[in-house]
Protein backbone atom coordinates (compact mmCIF):
# COMPACT_ATOMS: atom_id res chain seq x y z
CA UNK A 1 -28.30 -17.20 -106.10
CA UNK A 2 -28.46 -19.17 -102.48
CA UNK A 3 -26.00 -18.14 -99.74
CA UNK A 4 -25.29 -21.47 -97.71
CA UNK A 5 -23.51 -20.49 -93.94
CA UNK A 6 -21.54 -23.40 -92.60
CA UNK A 7 -19.82 -23.93 -89.47
CA UNK A 8 -18.64 -27.18 -87.73
CA UNK A 9 -16.75 -27.91 -84.52
CA UNK A 10 -17.94 -25.22 -82.25
CA UNK A 11 -17.22 -27.11 -79.28
CA UNK A 12 -20.11 -25.38 -76.92
CA UNK A 13 -20.22 -25.92 -73.08
CA UNK A 14 -21.23 -23.94 -70.53
CA UNK A 15 -18.74 -21.29 -70.29
CA UNK A 16 -19.23 -20.08 -74.37
CA UNK A 17 -22.84 -19.46 -74.13
CA UNK A 18 -23.51 -16.28 -75.97
CA UNK A 19 -20.31 -16.32 -77.84
CA UNK A 20 -21.49 -17.12 -81.40
CA UNK A 21 -25.08 -15.61 -81.21
CA UNK A 22 -24.38 -12.01 -82.06
CA UNK A 23 -22.31 -13.14 -85.52
CA UNK A 24 -25.53 -15.38 -86.24
CA UNK A 25 -27.96 -12.54 -85.41
CA UNK A 26 -26.41 -11.10 -88.73
CA UNK A 27 -27.21 -14.20 -90.63
CA UNK A 28 -30.49 -12.91 -92.24
CA UNK A 29 -28.07 -10.18 -93.79
CA UNK A 30 -25.60 -12.54 -95.65
CA UNK A 31 -26.99 -15.86 -95.35
CA UNK A 32 -30.34 -17.80 -96.24
CA UNK A 33 -29.93 -21.14 -94.36
CA UNK A 34 -26.97 -22.46 -91.52
CA UNK A 35 -25.90 -25.49 -91.91
CA UNK A 36 -23.80 -26.64 -88.32
CA UNK A 37 -21.09 -29.35 -89.53
CA UNK A 38 -21.26 -31.69 -86.12
CA UNK A 39 -19.31 -31.68 -82.87
CA UNK A 40 -21.28 -28.60 -81.72
CA UNK A 41 -20.78 -30.00 -77.89
CA UNK A 42 -17.88 -31.01 -76.30
CA UNK A 43 -18.48 -34.47 -74.75
CA UNK A 44 -22.20 -34.69 -75.94
CA UNK A 45 -24.15 -34.21 -72.56
CA UNK A 46 -27.34 -32.70 -72.20
CA UNK A 47 -26.04 -29.29 -70.69
CA UNK A 48 -24.07 -28.65 -73.09
CA UNK A 49 -26.27 -29.29 -75.75
CA UNK A 50 -28.83 -26.61 -74.04
CA UNK A 51 -26.20 -24.31 -74.59
CA UNK A 52 -26.13 -24.77 -78.35
CA UNK A 53 -29.70 -24.48 -78.38
CA UNK A 54 -29.99 -21.26 -77.16
CA UNK A 55 -27.35 -20.30 -79.27
CA UNK A 56 -29.10 -21.14 -82.34
CA UNK A 57 -32.84 -20.51 -81.30
CA UNK A 58 -35.40 -18.22 -83.58
CA UNK A 59 -32.58 -17.44 -85.42
CA UNK A 60 -33.44 -15.31 -88.87
CA UNK A 61 -32.65 -18.47 -91.01
CA UNK A 62 -33.31 -21.93 -91.06
CA UNK A 63 -30.85 -24.41 -89.18
CA UNK A 64 -30.20 -28.25 -90.37
CA UNK A 65 -27.29 -30.28 -88.39
CA UNK A 66 -25.60 -33.26 -88.23
CA UNK A 67 -24.19 -34.40 -85.20
CA UNK A 68 -20.44 -35.53 -84.45
CA UNK A 69 -18.16 -37.63 -82.77
CA UNK A 70 -17.74 -35.39 -79.40
CA UNK A 71 -22.03 -35.46 -79.75
CA UNK A 72 -21.81 -39.07 -79.06
CA UNK A 73 -19.17 -39.23 -76.13
CA UNK A 74 -21.75 -38.88 -73.68
CA UNK A 75 -23.74 -41.79 -75.33
CA UNK A 76 -27.36 -39.45 -75.23
CA UNK A 77 -27.14 -38.55 -79.08
CA UNK A 78 -31.12 -39.29 -79.15
CA UNK A 79 -30.98 -36.58 -76.16
CA UNK A 80 -28.92 -34.03 -77.79
CA UNK A 81 -31.11 -34.73 -81.09
CA UNK A 82 -34.17 -33.87 -79.18
CA UNK A 83 -32.95 -30.77 -77.43
CA UNK A 84 -31.63 -29.33 -80.75
CA UNK A 85 -35.07 -30.20 -82.38
CA UNK A 86 -36.89 -28.38 -79.80
CA UNK A 87 -34.79 -25.32 -80.46
CA UNK A 88 -35.96 -25.28 -84.11
CA UNK A 89 -32.88 -27.12 -85.67
CA UNK A 90 -33.47 -29.88 -88.44
CA UNK A 91 -31.11 -32.57 -87.14
CA UNK A 92 -29.89 -35.12 -89.76
CA UNK A 93 -28.93 -38.75 -89.86
CA UNK A 94 -29.09 -40.31 -93.01
CA UNK A 95 -32.25 -38.69 -94.26
CA UNK A 96 -32.52 -35.11 -96.13
CA UNK A 97 -34.87 -32.18 -95.67
CA UNK A 98 -35.71 -29.68 -97.79
CA UNK A 99 -35.21 -25.77 -97.29
CA UNK A 100 -37.65 -22.88 -99.30
CA UNK A 101 -35.17 -20.25 -100.13
CA UNK A 102 -36.62 -17.28 -102.05
CA UNK A 103 -38.65 -19.49 -104.29
CA UNK A 104 -36.16 -22.10 -104.92
CA UNK A 105 -35.92 -25.76 -103.19
CA UNK A 106 -33.14 -26.78 -101.68
CA UNK A 107 -32.15 -30.19 -100.46
CA UNK A 108 -29.73 -31.22 -97.41
CA UNK A 109 -28.78 -34.53 -97.12
CA UNK A 110 -27.09 -35.70 -94.03
CA UNK A 111 -25.08 -38.15 -91.80
CA UNK A 112 -22.74 -37.95 -89.33
CA UNK A 113 -20.52 -40.37 -91.45
CA UNK A 114 -17.67 -42.13 -89.92
CA UNK A 115 -13.73 -42.69 -90.86
CA UNK A 116 -12.13 -45.84 -92.56
CA UNK A 117 -9.34 -43.58 -95.39
CA UNK A 118 -9.54 -43.22 -98.87
CA UNK A 119 -8.47 -44.82 -101.89
CA UNK A 120 -5.52 -46.77 -101.70
CA UNK A 121 -5.57 -46.40 -98.18
CA UNK A 122 -8.67 -47.65 -96.81
CA UNK A 123 -9.73 -50.01 -94.25
CA UNK A 124 -11.63 -53.03 -96.06
CA UNK A 125 -14.64 -55.37 -94.70
CA UNK A 126 -12.14 -58.82 -93.91
CA UNK A 127 -11.12 -60.12 -90.96
CA UNK A 128 -12.21 -59.83 -87.44
CA UNK A 129 -16.06 -59.15 -87.02
CA UNK A 130 -15.33 -55.99 -85.09
CA UNK A 131 -13.14 -54.37 -88.27
CA UNK A 132 -15.65 -55.75 -90.78
CA UNK A 133 -18.23 -53.74 -88.70
CA UNK A 134 -15.70 -50.80 -88.52
CA UNK A 135 -16.15 -50.79 -92.14
CA UNK A 136 -19.90 -51.47 -92.45
CA UNK A 137 -20.86 -48.84 -90.54
CA UNK A 138 -19.40 -46.21 -92.33
CA UNK A 139 -20.99 -48.13 -95.52
CA UNK A 140 -24.62 -47.63 -93.89
CA UNK A 141 -23.72 -44.00 -93.58
CA UNK A 142 -22.75 -43.59 -97.33
CA UNK A 143 -25.50 -45.56 -98.41
CA UNK A 144 -28.16 -43.58 -96.50
CA UNK A 145 -26.52 -40.26 -97.91
CA UNK A 146 -27.02 -41.42 -101.32
CA UNK A 147 -30.10 -42.38 -100.75
CA UNK A 148 -31.26 -39.07 -99.19
CA UNK A 149 -29.26 -36.85 -101.87
CA UNK A 150 -31.89 -39.21 -104.31
CA UNK A 151 -34.63 -38.54 -102.79
CA UNK A 152 -34.29 -35.10 -103.07
CA UNK A 153 -33.43 -35.02 -106.58
CA UNK A 154 -37.05 -36.68 -107.09
CA UNK A 155 -38.59 -34.11 -104.76
CA UNK A 156 -37.70 -31.51 -107.27
CA UNK A 157 -34.54 -29.96 -105.62
CA UNK A 158 -32.97 -27.14 -107.66
CA UNK A 159 -29.79 -27.42 -105.47
CA UNK A 160 -28.20 -30.07 -103.00
CA UNK A 161 -26.22 -30.08 -100.59
CA UNK A 162 -24.10 -32.83 -98.35
CA UNK A 163 -23.56 -32.31 -94.72
CA UNK A 164 -21.41 -34.34 -93.11
CA UNK A 165 -19.27 -34.14 -89.75
CA UNK A 166 -16.46 -36.74 -91.36
CA UNK A 167 -14.28 -35.73 -94.58
CA UNK A 168 -15.60 -37.63 -97.68
CA UNK A 169 -12.17 -36.62 -99.81
CA UNK A 170 -8.55 -36.36 -98.55
CA UNK A 171 -8.25 -32.96 -99.54
CA UNK A 172 -9.44 -31.42 -96.85
CA UNK A 173 -7.44 -33.19 -94.42
CA UNK A 174 -4.10 -31.15 -95.87
CA UNK A 175 -2.76 -29.96 -92.81
CA UNK A 176 -3.57 -33.26 -90.31
CA UNK A 177 -0.68 -35.64 -89.67
CA UNK A 178 -1.11 -38.28 -92.60
CA UNK A 179 -1.13 -41.24 -90.09
CA UNK A 180 -4.80 -39.70 -88.98
CA UNK A 181 -6.22 -39.75 -92.17
CA UNK A 182 -7.76 -42.99 -91.98
CA UNK A 183 -9.94 -41.51 -89.12
CA UNK A 184 -10.72 -38.71 -90.34
CA UNK A 185 -13.25 -39.44 -92.71
CA UNK A 186 -14.20 -42.24 -95.80
CA UNK A 187 -14.01 -42.34 -99.62
CA UNK A 188 -17.36 -44.27 -99.59
CA UNK A 189 -18.91 -40.95 -98.58
CA UNK A 190 -17.42 -39.32 -101.59
CA UNK A 191 -18.66 -42.08 -103.83
CA UNK A 192 -21.98 -41.87 -102.34
CA UNK A 193 -22.04 -38.08 -103.36
CA UNK A 194 -21.01 -37.99 -106.75
CA UNK A 195 -23.27 -40.87 -107.67
CA UNK A 196 -26.27 -39.82 -106.39
CA UNK A 197 -24.93 -35.64 -107.21
CA UNK A 198 -25.02 -32.97 -105.10
CA UNK A 199 -23.84 -29.28 -105.54
CA UNK A 200 -21.84 -29.01 -102.53
CA UNK A 201 -20.61 -31.21 -99.96
CA UNK A 202 -19.64 -29.52 -96.09
CA UNK A 203 -18.28 -31.03 -93.15
CA UNK A 204 -16.16 -30.57 -90.30
CA UNK A 205 -13.57 -32.80 -87.84
CA UNK A 206 -10.63 -31.53 -89.11
CA UNK A 207 -9.22 -28.85 -87.35
CA UNK A 208 -6.01 -28.56 -88.42
CA UNK A 209 -7.56 -29.58 -91.99
CA UNK A 210 -7.68 -27.03 -95.11
CA UNK A 211 -11.05 -25.66 -96.13
CA UNK A 212 -11.11 -26.33 -100.16
CA UNK A 213 -11.39 -29.81 -101.84
CA UNK A 214 -12.93 -31.44 -104.65
CA UNK A 215 -14.26 -35.00 -104.81
CA UNK A 216 -13.28 -37.15 -108.04
CA UNK A 217 -16.38 -36.54 -109.50
CA UNK A 218 -16.20 -32.29 -109.60
CA UNK A 219 -18.31 -31.42 -106.30
CA UNK A 220 -17.22 -28.97 -104.34
CA UNK A 221 -15.80 -30.07 -100.82
CA UNK A 222 -15.31 -27.24 -98.05
CA UNK A 223 -14.10 -28.25 -94.14
CA UNK A 224 -15.77 -25.70 -92.08
CA UNK A 225 -14.48 -26.83 -88.85
CA UNK A 226 -14.12 -23.38 -86.89
CA UNK A 227 -10.33 -23.90 -86.48
CA UNK A 228 -10.18 -23.88 -90.13
CA UNK A 229 -12.03 -20.98 -90.79
CA UNK A 230 -11.43 -19.07 -88.24
CA UNK A 231 -14.87 -17.06 -88.08
CA UNK A 232 -18.17 -17.92 -86.76
CA UNK A 233 -19.30 -19.45 -90.12
CA UNK A 234 -18.59 -18.87 -93.46
CA UNK A 235 -20.54 -18.60 -96.48
CA UNK A 236 -20.76 -20.27 -100.05
CA UNK A 237 -22.86 -19.40 -102.46
CA UNK A 238 -24.65 -21.79 -104.92
CA UNK A 239 -26.22 -21.07 -108.40
CA UNK A 240 -29.29 -22.75 -109.90
CA UNK A 241 -29.30 -23.74 -113.81
CA UNK A 242 -31.75 -23.20 -115.74
CA UNK A 243 -33.52 -26.82 -117.02
CA UNK A 244 -34.27 -27.12 -120.69
């Protein structure tokens, strides 16, 4: 059994240094790795990123993250990524990483993702160039997630997790105003997860949403935005299935 701790939307700033560290220091007792599902900062500034870096530096478990829309606001996502990486965090965007957990190879594929909506009520690649690029950006994120999950399977990972900021399903948006669903995620992410395969999907972004959901293909989806889970992190158990 692998224990995956996860949280998103912690929105840290200078006044929140040390807020989560006491809980994170207990991870060795309850989890094998920590996933951060984006919106780690308030405005994506380097100073805010340094606060996050101090919060997760030298933790007793590996830390894997994706950035969120807030982490892009100051238009320095590369700098935010660099600061987190210097603190030992693996930051993913359209790629995967393998974490060794007690002899089990756990693959994490990550992308921020983007919006566009869900089946029956989604944006299409039609009309103005800006509209087409809007949807194509989401598709590129989904395609990269799909490719990363497939690569992890080829690498022999026994368990695979899809880590995004935007939601792949509408289930975990329940509680949000329906009018903003198209800006909270995209069904293209779920298609990527289902076609490539995963054991768990984790996202944030939807502060007023619900924790539990599922893709059409039966993959568990969990919204770990901190305003939803209302704690420093939640832990999800993954079980390996013996192969013939």
